[in-house]
Amino acid sequence: MAPSYDIVVDDRTFETIKQLYSADANALQFLFPDNLSKNTTKHLAMKIYNLEVEPNDHEHLFQNLHVDSFEVYFLYPLRGTFQQLFDGANIKYLRLTGGEIRSDVSQPFTGIIHRLEIAKQASTLSVQNFPVYPAHEMIINAFYVMDFNSEHPSNYKNLAELHVHSLDQIPANAFQDYPNIRTLSISSEKAIDLRALDGLKNLEELIIKDGPVNLEL
């Protein structure tokens, strides 16, 4: 049996975290120590939510942020576009969950986002719900999808993975607008049409959860 330890929280508990944050900066700025080992990995996670307060976030909230992974959960649309929010940033893995972040491909962007995952509820797989973002590789995690035949499909060249969660049947040609994906994960309580995977010429991995599995797919 492992020994038990008392955890003491006082006014100095979060001092090391406070030292990473520069309150005087115009944008959110994390100041990592200069003497970190070259093998040190930097991971950040943040929740932004308060439905009763008018959001007044900075347009360049995460500008020049250099970390290995960064996960952000937010409930309201952020003011800046993706290009403004992450300009100059260098992030190996970025996960955005919950809210809306606009993308304006006409704006200059000097950031490097190696792998971007977008997770949110969306009734339709469309460019309105999942805009084209300037990342080397994208992952879409769509919950409660009902319509697979969008009038505004997005021509993703960087979409590598698509994870779909639906309560409805997966129809024929459901993913024909995403021929570049290598991984497809389907979670559905109902059947999957035998032609649902038509057009997926680059598919390497297929994951089916919850619903009945048809080996003829």
N, C-alpha and C. Protein backbone atom coordinates (compact mmCIF):
# COMPACT_ATOMS: atom_id res chain seq x y z
N MET A 1 0.85 -1.19 0.00
CA MET A 1 0.00 0.00 0.00
C MET A 1 0.89 1.24 0.00
N ALA A 2 0.63 2.15 -0.92
CA ALA A 2 1.46 3.34 -1.04
C ALA A 2 1.18 4.29 0.11
N PRO A 3 2.21 4.98 0.61
CA PRO A 3 2.00 5.93 1.70
C PRO A 3 1.20 7.13 1.23
N SER A 4 0.45 7.74 2.14
CA SER A 4 -0.35 8.91 1.82
C SER A 4 0.41 10.17 2.20
N TYR A 5 0.16 11.24 1.46
CA TYR A 5 0.84 12.50 1.72
C TYR A 5 -0.20 13.61 1.80
N ASP A 6 0.05 14.56 2.71
CA ASP A 6 -0.81 15.73 2.80
C ASP A 6 -0.35 16.75 1.77
N ILE A 7 -1.31 17.30 1.03
CA ILE A 7 -0.99 18.33 0.04
C ILE A 7 -1.33 19.68 0.63
N VAL A 8 -0.34 20.54 0.75
CA VAL A 8 -0.52 21.86 1.35
C VAL A 8 -0.52 22.90 0.25
N VAL A 9 -1.57 23.72 0.21
CA VAL A 9 -1.69 24.80 -0.77
C VAL A 9 -1.65 26.12 -0.02
N ASP A 10 -0.71 26.99 -0.36
CA ASP A 10 -0.64 28.30 0.29
C ASP A 10 -0.40 29.36 -0.77
N ASP A 11 -0.06 30.59 -0.35
CA ASP A 11 0.07 31.70 -1.30
C ASP A 11 1.32 31.59 -2.18
N ARG A 12 2.17 30.59 -1.92
CA ARG A 12 3.36 30.41 -2.74
C ARG A 12 3.27 29.18 -3.64
N THR A 13 2.15 28.47 -3.57
CA THR A 13 2.01 27.22 -4.31
C THR A 13 2.20 27.42 -5.81
N PHE A 14 1.62 28.49 -6.34
CA PHE A 14 1.63 28.70 -7.79
C PHE A 14 2.65 29.76 -8.22
N GLU A 15 3.65 30.01 -7.40
CA GLU A 15 4.64 31.03 -7.73
C GLU A 15 5.37 30.69 -9.02
N THR A 16 5.74 29.42 -9.21
CA THR A 16 6.48 29.06 -10.42
C THR A 16 5.64 29.26 -11.67
N ILE A 17 4.33 29.08 -11.54
CA ILE A 17 3.44 29.31 -12.68
C ILE A 17 3.28 30.80 -12.94
N LYS A 18 3.14 31.59 -11.86
CA LYS A 18 3.00 33.03 -12.01
C LYS A 18 4.21 33.65 -12.69
N GLN A 19 5.38 33.08 -12.45
CA GLN A 19 6.59 33.62 -13.04
C GLN A 19 6.62 33.44 -14.56
N LEU A 20 5.83 32.52 -15.07
CA LEU A 20 5.78 32.31 -16.52
C LEU A 20 4.92 33.35 -17.22
N TYR A 21 4.10 34.07 -16.48
CA TYR A 21 3.13 34.98 -17.08
C TYR A 21 3.57 36.42 -16.89
N SER A 22 3.62 37.16 -17.95
CA SER A 22 3.98 38.57 -17.89
C SER A 22 2.71 39.40 -17.92
N ALA A 23 2.36 39.97 -16.79
CA ALA A 23 1.11 40.74 -16.70
C ALA A 23 1.21 42.09 -17.40
N ASP A 24 2.43 42.56 -17.69
CA ASP A 24 2.61 43.87 -18.31
C ASP A 24 2.53 43.84 -19.83
N ALA A 25 2.52 42.64 -20.39
CA ALA A 25 2.53 42.52 -21.85
C ALA A 25 1.19 42.90 -22.44
N ASN A 26 1.21 43.39 -23.69
CA ASN A 26 -0.04 43.74 -24.37
C ASN A 26 -0.85 42.50 -24.72
N ALA A 27 -0.17 41.41 -24.98
CA ALA A 27 -0.82 40.15 -25.26
C ALA A 27 -0.42 39.16 -24.18
N LEU A 28 -1.03 37.99 -24.21
CA LEU A 28 -0.69 36.96 -23.24
C LEU A 28 0.72 36.47 -23.52
N GLN A 29 1.62 36.64 -22.56
CA GLN A 29 3.02 36.30 -22.78
C GLN A 29 3.52 35.39 -21.67
N PHE A 30 4.04 34.24 -22.07
CA PHE A 30 4.62 33.31 -21.11
C PHE A 30 6.13 33.42 -21.20
N LEU A 31 6.76 33.58 -20.05
CA LEU A 31 8.20 33.76 -20.00
C LEU A 31 8.85 32.51 -19.41
N PHE A 32 9.33 31.63 -20.27
CA PHE A 32 9.99 30.44 -19.79
C PHE A 32 11.45 30.77 -19.44
N PRO A 33 12.00 30.15 -18.41
CA PRO A 33 13.38 30.42 -18.02
C PRO A 33 14.36 30.16 -19.16
N ASP A 34 15.42 30.96 -19.21
CA ASP A 34 16.41 30.82 -20.28
C ASP A 34 17.31 29.61 -20.09
N ASN A 35 17.37 29.10 -18.87
CA ASN A 35 18.31 28.02 -18.59
C ASN A 35 17.68 26.64 -18.68
N LEU A 36 16.58 26.52 -19.42
CA LEU A 36 15.95 25.22 -19.59
C LEU A 36 16.83 24.31 -20.43
N SER A 37 16.82 23.03 -20.11
CA SER A 37 17.56 22.05 -20.90
C SER A 37 16.99 21.98 -22.31
N LYS A 38 17.85 21.67 -23.28
CA LYS A 38 17.39 21.56 -24.67
C LYS A 38 16.41 20.40 -24.83
N ASN A 39 16.40 19.47 -23.89
CA ASN A 39 15.48 18.34 -23.94
C ASN A 39 14.15 18.61 -23.22
N THR A 40 14.02 19.79 -22.64
CA THR A 40 12.79 20.14 -21.93
C THR A 40 11.64 20.33 -22.90
N THR A 41 10.49 19.76 -22.60
CA THR A 41 9.29 19.96 -23.40
C THR A 41 8.33 20.88 -22.65
N LYS A 42 7.66 21.76 -23.39
CA LYS A 42 6.77 22.75 -22.78
C LYS A 42 5.34 22.47 -23.22
N HIS A 43 4.46 22.22 -22.25
CA HIS A 43 3.07 21.90 -22.52
C HIS A 43 2.18 22.85 -21.73
N LEU A 44 1.21 23.44 -22.40
CA LEU A 44 0.28 24.36 -21.76
C LEU A 44 -1.15 23.94 -22.05
N ALA A 45 -2.03 24.16 -21.08
CA ALA A 45 -3.46 23.92 -21.26
C ALA A 45 -4.20 25.10 -20.63
N MET A 46 -5.24 25.57 -21.29
CA MET A 46 -5.94 26.76 -20.82
C MET A 46 -7.44 26.63 -21.06
N LYS A 47 -8.24 27.07 -20.10
CA LYS A 47 -9.70 27.15 -20.25
C LYS A 47 -10.12 28.61 -20.20
N ILE A 48 -10.91 29.02 -21.18
CA ILE A 48 -11.42 30.40 -21.22
C ILE A 48 -12.93 30.33 -21.27
N TYR A 49 -13.57 30.65 -20.15
CA TYR A 49 -15.03 30.62 -20.16
C TYR A 49 -15.59 31.48 -19.04
N ASN A 50 -16.56 32.28 -19.41
CA ASN A 50 -17.38 33.04 -18.48
C ASN A 50 -18.50 33.66 -19.31
N LEU A 51 -19.60 32.98 -19.38
CA LEU A 51 -20.70 33.39 -20.26
C LEU A 51 -21.36 34.68 -19.82
N GLU A 52 -21.14 35.11 -18.56
CA GLU A 52 -21.79 36.31 -18.05
C GLU A 52 -20.95 37.57 -18.25
N VAL A 53 -19.76 37.41 -18.76
CA VAL A 53 -18.86 38.54 -18.95
C VAL A 53 -18.62 38.76 -20.43
N GLU A 54 -18.68 40.03 -20.86
CA GLU A 54 -18.43 40.36 -22.26
C GLU A 54 -16.96 40.07 -22.59
N PRO A 55 -16.69 39.20 -23.54
CA PRO A 55 -15.30 38.89 -23.85
C PRO A 55 -14.56 40.10 -24.40
N ASN A 56 -13.36 40.34 -23.90
CA ASN A 56 -12.55 41.47 -24.35
C ASN A 56 -11.11 41.00 -24.54
N ASP A 57 -10.96 39.85 -25.17
CA ASP A 57 -9.64 39.28 -25.33
C ASP A 57 -8.85 40.02 -26.40
N HIS A 58 -7.57 39.88 -26.34
CA HIS A 58 -6.67 40.55 -27.27
C HIS A 58 -6.65 39.81 -28.60
N GLU A 59 -6.56 40.56 -29.70
CA GLU A 59 -6.57 39.93 -31.02
C GLU A 59 -5.32 39.08 -31.25
N HIS A 60 -4.24 39.40 -30.57
CA HIS A 60 -2.98 38.66 -30.73
C HIS A 60 -2.66 37.89 -29.45
N LEU A 61 -3.65 37.21 -28.95
CA LEU A 61 -3.59 36.61 -27.62
C LEU A 61 -2.42 35.65 -27.45
N PHE A 62 -2.11 34.86 -28.47
CA PHE A 62 -1.07 33.84 -28.35
C PHE A 62 0.09 34.09 -29.31
N GLN A 63 0.28 35.32 -29.68
CA GLN A 63 1.33 35.68 -30.64
C GLN A 63 2.71 35.31 -30.09
N ASN A 64 3.54 34.73 -30.95
CA ASN A 64 4.92 34.38 -30.64
C ASN A 64 5.06 33.33 -29.53
N LEU A 65 4.03 32.56 -29.28
CA LEU A 65 4.10 31.50 -28.28
C LEU A 65 4.85 30.30 -28.85
N HIS A 66 5.90 29.85 -28.16
CA HIS A 66 6.71 28.71 -28.60
C HIS A 66 6.60 27.61 -27.55
N VAL A 67 5.84 26.57 -27.86
CA VAL A 67 5.67 25.43 -26.95
C VAL A 67 5.56 24.15 -27.77
N ASP A 68 5.70 23.03 -27.07
CA ASP A 68 5.54 21.74 -27.75
C ASP A 68 4.08 21.42 -27.97
N SER A 69 3.25 21.64 -26.95
CA SER A 69 1.81 21.41 -27.11
C SER A 69 1.03 22.47 -26.36
N PHE A 70 -0.11 22.83 -26.92
CA PHE A 70 -0.97 23.87 -26.34
C PHE A 70 -2.42 23.47 -26.58
N GLU A 71 -3.18 23.33 -25.50
CA GLU A 71 -4.59 22.97 -25.60
C GLU A 71 -5.43 24.10 -25.02
N VAL A 72 -6.41 24.57 -25.80
CA VAL A 72 -7.26 25.69 -25.39
C VAL A 72 -8.72 25.26 -25.48
N TYR A 73 -9.44 25.45 -24.39
CA TYR A 73 -10.89 25.20 -24.36
C TYR A 73 -11.57 26.54 -24.11
N PHE A 74 -12.51 26.92 -24.99
CA PHE A 74 -13.17 28.21 -24.85
C PHE A 74 -14.62 28.07 -25.30
N LEU A 75 -15.49 28.91 -24.71
CA LEU A 75 -16.92 28.80 -24.97
C LEU A 75 -17.46 29.88 -25.89
N TYR A 76 -16.73 30.99 -26.03
CA TYR A 76 -17.23 32.06 -26.88
C TYR A 76 -16.24 32.31 -28.02
N PRO A 77 -16.70 32.92 -29.12
CA PRO A 77 -15.79 33.19 -30.24
C PRO A 77 -14.71 34.18 -29.82
N LEU A 78 -13.46 33.86 -30.12
CA LEU A 78 -12.37 34.78 -29.82
C LEU A 78 -12.36 35.91 -30.86
N ARG A 79 -11.93 37.09 -30.45
CA ARG A 79 -12.01 38.27 -31.32
C ARG A 79 -11.08 38.20 -32.52
N GLY A 80 -9.88 37.73 -32.31
CA GLY A 80 -8.92 37.68 -33.40
C GLY A 80 -9.15 36.51 -34.33
N THR A 81 -8.63 36.63 -35.53
CA THR A 81 -8.63 35.48 -36.44
C THR A 81 -7.51 34.53 -36.01
N PHE A 82 -7.52 33.34 -36.57
CA PHE A 82 -6.44 32.39 -36.28
C PHE A 82 -5.09 33.00 -36.64
N GLN A 83 -5.05 33.70 -37.78
CA GLN A 83 -3.80 34.29 -38.25
C GLN A 83 -3.29 35.35 -37.28
N GLN A 84 -4.21 36.10 -36.65
CA GLN A 84 -3.81 37.12 -35.69
C GLN A 84 -3.42 36.50 -34.34
N LEU A 85 -4.22 35.55 -33.89
CA LEU A 85 -4.01 34.95 -32.58
C LEU A 85 -2.68 34.22 -32.47
N PHE A 86 -2.28 33.53 -33.54
CA PHE A 86 -1.10 32.67 -33.47
C PHE A 86 0.02 33.13 -34.38
N ASP A 87 0.01 34.39 -34.78
CA ASP A 87 1.07 34.90 -35.64
C ASP A 87 2.42 34.82 -34.91
N GLY A 88 3.41 34.28 -35.56
CA GLY A 88 4.73 34.16 -34.96
C GLY A 88 4.88 32.99 -34.00
N ALA A 89 3.81 32.25 -33.74
CA ALA A 89 3.87 31.13 -32.81
C ALA A 89 4.54 29.92 -33.46
N ASN A 90 5.13 29.08 -32.64
CA ASN A 90 5.72 27.83 -33.11
C ASN A 90 5.23 26.73 -32.16
N ILE A 91 4.26 25.95 -32.61
CA ILE A 91 3.61 24.97 -31.75
C ILE A 91 3.57 23.63 -32.49
N LYS A 92 4.07 22.59 -31.84
CA LYS A 92 4.09 21.27 -32.47
C LYS A 92 2.70 20.65 -32.51
N TYR A 93 1.95 20.80 -31.42
CA TYR A 93 0.59 20.25 -31.38
C TYR A 93 -0.33 21.27 -30.73
N LEU A 94 -1.36 21.69 -31.45
CA LEU A 94 -2.33 22.67 -30.97
C LEU A 94 -3.73 22.08 -31.06
N ARG A 95 -4.44 22.07 -29.92
CA ARG A 95 -5.81 21.56 -29.89
C ARG A 95 -6.73 22.69 -29.44
N LEU A 96 -7.74 22.97 -30.26
CA LEU A 96 -8.73 24.01 -29.98
C LEU A 96 -10.09 23.34 -29.81
N THR A 97 -10.71 23.54 -28.66
CA THR A 97 -11.95 22.85 -28.34
C THR A 97 -13.03 23.84 -27.95
N GLY A 98 -14.23 23.64 -28.52
CA GLY A 98 -15.41 24.35 -28.05
C GLY A 98 -15.89 25.47 -28.94
N GLY A 99 -15.21 26.60 -28.93
CA GLY A 99 -15.72 27.80 -29.58
C GLY A 99 -15.30 27.97 -31.03
N GLU A 100 -15.53 29.19 -31.52
CA GLU A 100 -15.26 29.51 -32.92
C GLU A 100 -13.99 30.36 -33.04
N ILE A 101 -13.16 30.02 -33.99
CA ILE A 101 -12.02 30.86 -34.36
C ILE A 101 -12.06 31.05 -35.87
N ARG A 102 -12.22 32.30 -36.29
CA ARG A 102 -12.29 32.60 -37.71
C ARG A 102 -10.91 32.45 -38.36
N SER A 103 -10.93 32.25 -39.65
CA SER A 103 -9.69 32.17 -40.42
C SER A 103 -9.80 33.12 -41.60
N ASP A 104 -8.75 33.91 -41.81
CA ASP A 104 -8.71 34.84 -42.94
C ASP A 104 -7.42 34.58 -43.70
N VAL A 105 -7.52 33.81 -44.78
CA VAL A 105 -6.32 33.41 -45.51
C VAL A 105 -5.66 34.58 -46.22
N SER A 106 -6.33 35.75 -46.30
CA SER A 106 -5.73 36.91 -46.92
C SER A 106 -4.77 37.64 -45.97
N GLN A 107 -4.84 37.32 -44.67
CA GLN A 107 -3.96 37.96 -43.71
C GLN A 107 -2.59 37.28 -43.68
N PRO A 108 -1.53 38.04 -43.48
CA PRO A 108 -0.20 37.42 -43.39
C PRO A 108 -0.09 36.56 -42.13
N PHE A 109 0.69 35.48 -42.23
CA PHE A 109 0.84 34.58 -41.10
C PHE A 109 2.27 34.06 -41.09
N THR A 110 2.98 34.32 -39.99
CA THR A 110 4.38 33.90 -39.89
C THR A 110 4.56 32.77 -38.88
N GLY A 111 3.46 32.26 -38.34
CA GLY A 111 3.55 31.18 -37.37
C GLY A 111 3.81 29.83 -38.01
N ILE A 112 4.19 28.87 -37.17
CA ILE A 112 4.40 27.48 -37.62
C ILE A 112 3.59 26.58 -36.69
N ILE A 113 2.50 26.04 -37.21
CA ILE A 113 1.66 25.11 -36.46
C ILE A 113 1.82 23.75 -37.13
N HIS A 114 2.50 22.85 -36.46
CA HIS A 114 2.80 21.57 -37.08
C HIS A 114 1.57 20.68 -37.18
N ARG A 115 0.83 20.58 -36.08
CA ARG A 115 -0.33 19.67 -36.03
C ARG A 115 -1.46 20.37 -35.28
N LEU A 116 -2.58 20.58 -35.94
CA LEU A 116 -3.71 21.30 -35.37
C LEU A 116 -4.93 20.39 -35.29
N GLU A 117 -5.53 20.30 -34.09
CA GLU A 117 -6.76 19.53 -33.92
C GLU A 117 -7.88 20.47 -33.51
N ILE A 118 -9.00 20.38 -34.23
CA ILE A 118 -10.19 21.17 -33.92
C ILE A 118 -11.27 20.22 -33.44
N ALA A 119 -11.80 20.46 -32.24
CA ALA A 119 -12.84 19.60 -31.67
C ALA A 119 -14.02 20.47 -31.27
N LYS A 120 -15.20 20.18 -31.86
CA LYS A 120 -16.39 20.99 -31.56
C LYS A 120 -17.64 20.29 -32.04
N GLN A 121 -18.80 20.77 -31.57
CA GLN A 121 -20.08 20.29 -32.06
C GLN A 121 -20.40 20.99 -33.38
N ALA A 122 -20.85 20.22 -34.35
CA ALA A 122 -21.20 20.79 -35.65
C ALA A 122 -22.17 19.87 -36.34
N SER A 123 -23.31 20.38 -36.73
CA SER A 123 -24.31 19.55 -37.40
C SER A 123 -23.90 19.18 -38.81
N THR A 124 -22.98 19.97 -39.40
CA THR A 124 -22.56 19.74 -40.78
C THR A 124 -21.05 19.84 -40.89
N LEU A 125 -20.48 18.97 -41.70
CA LEU A 125 -19.07 19.10 -42.04
C LEU A 125 -18.96 20.12 -43.17
N SER A 126 -18.57 21.34 -42.84
CA SER A 126 -18.54 22.41 -43.83
C SER A 126 -17.43 23.38 -43.50
N VAL A 127 -17.09 24.23 -44.48
CA VAL A 127 -16.05 25.22 -44.28
C VAL A 127 -16.48 26.28 -43.29
N GLN A 128 -17.79 26.47 -43.11
CA GLN A 128 -18.27 27.43 -42.10
C GLN A 128 -17.96 26.93 -40.70
N ASN A 129 -18.15 25.65 -40.47
CA ASN A 129 -17.90 25.09 -39.15
C ASN A 129 -16.43 24.78 -38.91
N PHE A 130 -15.73 24.40 -39.97
CA PHE A 130 -14.32 24.05 -39.86
C PHE A 130 -13.55 24.77 -40.97
N PRO A 131 -13.18 26.02 -40.73
CA PRO A 131 -12.47 26.78 -41.76
C PRO A 131 -11.11 26.18 -42.10
N VAL A 132 -10.53 26.66 -43.18
CA VAL A 132 -9.19 26.24 -43.57
C VAL A 132 -8.19 27.04 -42.73
N TYR A 133 -7.37 26.33 -41.98
CA TYR A 133 -6.38 26.98 -41.12
C TYR A 133 -4.96 26.71 -41.64
N PRO A 134 -4.04 27.66 -41.44
CA PRO A 134 -2.66 27.49 -41.92
C PRO A 134 -1.83 26.60 -40.99
N ALA A 135 -2.07 25.32 -41.05
CA ALA A 135 -1.30 24.35 -40.27
C ALA A 135 -0.75 23.29 -41.23
N HIS A 136 0.37 22.71 -40.87
CA HIS A 136 0.94 21.68 -41.74
C HIS A 136 0.04 20.46 -41.83
N GLU A 137 -0.61 20.14 -40.71
CA GLU A 137 -1.49 18.97 -40.67
C GLU A 137 -2.67 19.27 -39.78
N MET A 138 -3.87 18.86 -40.23
CA MET A 138 -5.08 19.14 -39.47
C MET A 138 -5.80 17.86 -39.08
N ILE A 139 -6.47 17.94 -37.92
CA ILE A 139 -7.35 16.87 -37.44
C ILE A 139 -8.68 17.51 -37.10
N ILE A 140 -9.76 16.95 -37.62
CA ILE A 140 -11.11 17.44 -37.28
C ILE A 140 -11.80 16.40 -36.42
N ASN A 141 -12.33 16.87 -35.30
CA ASN A 141 -13.09 16.04 -34.38
C ASN A 141 -14.48 16.65 -34.27
N ALA A 142 -15.44 16.10 -35.03
CA ALA A 142 -16.78 16.69 -35.15
C ALA A 142 -17.81 15.86 -34.40
N PHE A 143 -18.56 16.53 -33.51
CA PHE A 143 -19.54 15.84 -32.69
C PHE A 143 -20.97 16.19 -33.15
N TYR A 144 -21.85 15.18 -33.13
CA TYR A 144 -23.27 15.33 -33.45
C TYR A 144 -23.50 15.80 -34.88
N VAL A 145 -22.77 15.21 -35.81
CA VAL A 145 -22.94 15.53 -37.23
C VAL A 145 -24.22 14.88 -37.74
N MET A 146 -25.05 15.67 -38.44
CA MET A 146 -26.30 15.16 -39.00
C MET A 146 -26.33 15.21 -40.52
N ASP A 147 -25.62 16.18 -41.10
CA ASP A 147 -25.65 16.38 -42.55
C ASP A 147 -24.25 16.16 -43.11
N PHE A 148 -24.14 15.19 -44.03
CA PHE A 148 -22.84 14.87 -44.62
C PHE A 148 -22.73 15.38 -46.06
N ASN A 149 -23.74 16.09 -46.52
CA ASN A 149 -23.73 16.59 -47.89
C ASN A 149 -23.81 18.11 -47.87
N SER A 150 -22.75 18.74 -47.44
CA SER A 150 -22.73 20.19 -47.30
C SER A 150 -22.69 20.88 -48.65
N GLU A 151 -23.38 22.02 -48.74
CA GLU A 151 -23.32 22.84 -49.94
C GLU A 151 -22.00 23.59 -50.03
N HIS A 152 -21.28 23.65 -48.92
CA HIS A 152 -20.02 24.39 -48.89
C HIS A 152 -18.90 23.49 -48.34
N PRO A 153 -18.57 22.44 -49.06
CA PRO A 153 -17.49 21.57 -48.58
C PRO A 153 -16.16 22.31 -48.61
N SER A 154 -15.28 21.95 -47.71
CA SER A 154 -13.99 22.61 -47.63
C SER A 154 -12.94 21.74 -48.32
N ASN A 155 -12.15 22.34 -49.16
CA ASN A 155 -11.13 21.61 -49.91
C ASN A 155 -9.84 21.59 -49.10
N TYR A 156 -9.79 20.72 -48.09
CA TYR A 156 -8.60 20.64 -47.24
C TYR A 156 -7.50 19.87 -47.93
N LYS A 157 -6.36 20.48 -48.06
CA LYS A 157 -5.18 19.78 -48.55
C LYS A 157 -4.35 19.24 -47.40
N ASN A 158 -4.58 19.80 -46.19
CA ASN A 158 -3.76 19.43 -45.04
C ASN A 158 -4.51 18.58 -44.02
N LEU A 159 -5.72 18.11 -44.37
CA LEU A 159 -6.50 17.31 -43.44
C LEU A 159 -6.01 15.87 -43.45
N ALA A 160 -5.46 15.42 -42.31
CA ALA A 160 -4.91 14.07 -42.21
C ALA A 160 -5.85 13.11 -41.52
N GLU A 161 -6.61 13.60 -40.53
CA GLU A 161 -7.50 12.74 -39.76
C GLU A 161 -8.88 13.38 -39.62
N LEU A 162 -9.90 12.53 -39.68
CA LEU A 162 -11.27 12.98 -39.49
C LEU A 162 -11.96 12.04 -38.51
N HIS A 163 -12.47 12.60 -37.41
CA HIS A 163 -13.17 11.83 -36.39
C HIS A 163 -14.60 12.34 -36.32
N VAL A 164 -15.55 11.49 -36.63
CA VAL A 164 -16.96 11.88 -36.73
C VAL A 164 -17.78 11.13 -35.70
N HIS A 165 -18.58 11.88 -34.94
CA HIS A 165 -19.49 11.30 -33.96
C HIS A 165 -20.91 11.70 -34.37
N SER A 166 -21.75 10.70 -34.65
CA SER A 166 -23.09 10.99 -35.16
C SER A 166 -24.10 10.02 -34.55
N LEU A 167 -25.32 10.52 -34.39
CA LEU A 167 -26.42 9.66 -33.92
C LEU A 167 -27.21 9.10 -35.09
N ASP A 168 -26.89 9.55 -36.30
CA ASP A 168 -27.64 9.18 -37.50
C ASP A 168 -26.86 8.17 -38.34
N GLN A 169 -27.53 7.69 -39.38
CA GLN A 169 -26.88 6.77 -40.31
C GLN A 169 -25.83 7.52 -41.12
N ILE A 170 -24.74 6.85 -41.41
CA ILE A 170 -23.69 7.45 -42.25
C ILE A 170 -24.02 7.12 -43.70
N PRO A 171 -24.35 8.12 -44.53
CA PRO A 171 -24.84 7.85 -45.89
C PRO A 171 -23.72 7.55 -46.87
N ALA A 172 -24.12 7.19 -48.08
CA ALA A 172 -23.16 6.96 -49.17
C ALA A 172 -22.43 8.26 -49.49
N ASN A 173 -21.17 8.16 -49.87
CA ASN A 173 -20.34 9.30 -50.25
C ASN A 173 -20.22 10.34 -49.15
N ALA A 174 -20.32 9.91 -47.92
CA ALA A 174 -20.31 10.84 -46.80
C ALA A 174 -19.00 11.61 -46.70
N PHE A 175 -17.90 10.99 -47.16
CA PHE A 175 -16.59 11.60 -46.96
C PHE A 175 -15.85 11.85 -48.28
N GLN A 176 -16.60 11.95 -49.36
CA GLN A 176 -15.99 12.09 -50.68
C GLN A 176 -15.26 13.42 -50.85
N ASP A 177 -15.60 14.41 -50.03
CA ASP A 177 -14.94 15.71 -50.13
C ASP A 177 -13.63 15.77 -49.36
N TYR A 178 -13.22 14.65 -48.78
CA TYR A 178 -11.99 14.63 -47.96
C TYR A 178 -11.07 13.50 -48.44
N PRO A 179 -10.66 13.52 -49.70
CA PRO A 179 -9.90 12.39 -50.27
C PRO A 179 -8.50 12.24 -49.70
N ASN A 180 -7.99 13.27 -49.01
CA ASN A 180 -6.60 13.22 -48.54
C ASN A 180 -6.44 12.60 -47.16
N ILE A 181 -7.54 12.35 -46.45
CA ILE A 181 -7.40 11.85 -45.08
C ILE A 181 -6.79 10.46 -45.06
N ARG A 182 -5.92 10.25 -44.05
CA ARG A 182 -5.28 8.95 -43.88
C ARG A 182 -5.94 8.13 -42.77
N THR A 183 -6.60 8.83 -41.84
CA THR A 183 -7.27 8.16 -40.73
C THR A 183 -8.71 8.65 -40.65
N LEU A 184 -9.65 7.72 -40.54
CA LEU A 184 -11.06 8.04 -40.38
C LEU A 184 -11.61 7.25 -39.21
N SER A 185 -12.21 7.96 -38.27
CA SER A 185 -12.84 7.33 -37.12
C SER A 185 -14.32 7.69 -37.15
N ILE A 186 -15.18 6.67 -37.09
CA ILE A 186 -16.63 6.87 -37.14
C ILE A 186 -17.26 6.30 -35.88
N SER A 187 -18.02 7.13 -35.20
CA SER A 187 -18.79 6.70 -34.04
C SER A 187 -20.25 6.98 -34.33
N SER A 188 -21.04 5.92 -34.54
CA SER A 188 -22.45 6.08 -34.90
C SER A 188 -23.26 4.94 -34.32
N GLU A 189 -24.45 5.28 -33.84
CA GLU A 189 -25.33 4.27 -33.27
C GLU A 189 -26.11 3.52 -34.34
N LYS A 190 -26.05 4.03 -35.58
CA LYS A 190 -26.80 3.41 -36.67
C LYS A 190 -25.84 2.88 -37.73
N ALA A 191 -26.41 2.34 -38.79
CA ALA A 191 -25.61 1.65 -39.80
C ALA A 191 -24.79 2.62 -40.64
N ILE A 192 -23.76 2.08 -41.26
CA ILE A 192 -22.91 2.83 -42.17
C ILE A 192 -23.12 2.29 -43.58
N ASP A 193 -23.50 3.17 -44.50
CA ASP A 193 -23.73 2.75 -45.87
C ASP A 193 -22.47 2.15 -46.47
N LEU A 194 -22.63 1.10 -47.29
CA LEU A 194 -21.49 0.41 -47.87
C LEU A 194 -20.66 1.32 -48.77
N ARG A 195 -21.26 2.40 -49.27
CA ARG A 195 -20.54 3.33 -50.14
C ARG A 195 -20.10 4.59 -49.40
N ALA A 196 -20.15 4.57 -48.09
CA ALA A 196 -19.80 5.76 -47.31
C ALA A 196 -18.34 6.15 -47.49
N LEU A 197 -17.49 5.14 -47.77
CA LEU A 197 -16.05 5.41 -47.87
C LEU A 197 -15.58 5.64 -49.30
N ASP A 198 -16.50 5.74 -50.23
CA ASP A 198 -16.13 5.96 -51.63
C ASP A 198 -15.32 7.26 -51.76
N GLY A 199 -14.24 7.20 -52.51
CA GLY A 199 -13.43 8.38 -52.76
C GLY A 199 -12.25 8.54 -51.84
N LEU A 200 -12.15 7.70 -50.82
CA LEU A 200 -11.04 7.81 -49.86
C LEU A 200 -9.86 6.95 -50.33
N LYS A 201 -9.14 7.47 -51.29
CA LYS A 201 -8.06 6.70 -51.92
C LYS A 201 -6.81 6.62 -51.06
N ASN A 202 -6.66 7.53 -50.13
CA ASN A 202 -5.44 7.57 -49.30
C ASN A 202 -5.66 7.04 -47.89
N LEU A 203 -6.83 6.46 -47.65
CA LEU A 203 -7.17 5.99 -46.30
C LEU A 203 -6.27 4.83 -45.89
N GLU A 204 -5.63 4.98 -44.71
CA GLU A 204 -4.75 3.94 -44.17
C GLU A 204 -5.34 3.27 -42.94
N GLU A 205 -6.15 4.00 -42.19
CA GLU A 205 -6.70 3.47 -40.94
C GLU A 205 -8.18 3.82 -40.82
N LEU A 206 -9.00 2.82 -40.55
CA LEU A 206 -10.43 3.01 -40.35
C LEU A 206 -10.81 2.49 -38.96
N ILE A 207 -11.44 3.35 -38.18
CA ILE A 207 -11.86 3.00 -36.82
C ILE A 207 -13.37 3.17 -36.74
N ILE A 208 -14.09 2.11 -36.35
CA ILE A 208 -15.54 2.17 -36.20
C ILE A 208 -15.88 1.88 -34.75
N LYS A 209 -16.61 2.81 -34.12
CA LYS A 209 -16.97 2.67 -32.72
C LYS A 209 -18.48 2.62 -32.56
N ASP A 210 -18.93 1.96 -31.52
CA ASP A 210 -20.32 1.97 -31.04
C ASP A 210 -21.31 1.22 -31.94
N GLY A 211 -21.37 1.56 -33.22
CA GLY A 211 -22.40 0.99 -34.07
C GLY A 211 -22.04 -0.38 -34.64
N PRO A 212 -22.95 -0.97 -35.45
CA PRO A 212 -22.69 -2.26 -36.07
C PRO A 212 -21.57 -2.15 -37.10
N VAL A 213 -20.74 -3.18 -37.16
CA VAL A 213 -19.60 -3.19 -38.08
C VAL A 213 -19.91 -4.10 -39.26
N ASN A 214 -19.78 -3.54 -40.47
CA ASN A 214 -19.98 -4.31 -41.68
C ASN A 214 -18.62 -4.59 -42.30
N LEU A 215 -18.23 -5.85 -42.40
CA LEU A 215 -16.91 -6.20 -42.90
C LEU A 215 -16.76 -5.96 -44.39
N GLU A 216 -17.86 -5.62 -45.08
CA GLU A 216 -17.77 -5.34 -46.50
C GLU A 216 -17.34 -3.91 -46.80
N LEU A 217 -17.21 -3.09 -45.78
CA LEU A 217 -16.79 -1.69 -45.99
C LEU A 217 -15.38 -1.65 -46.58
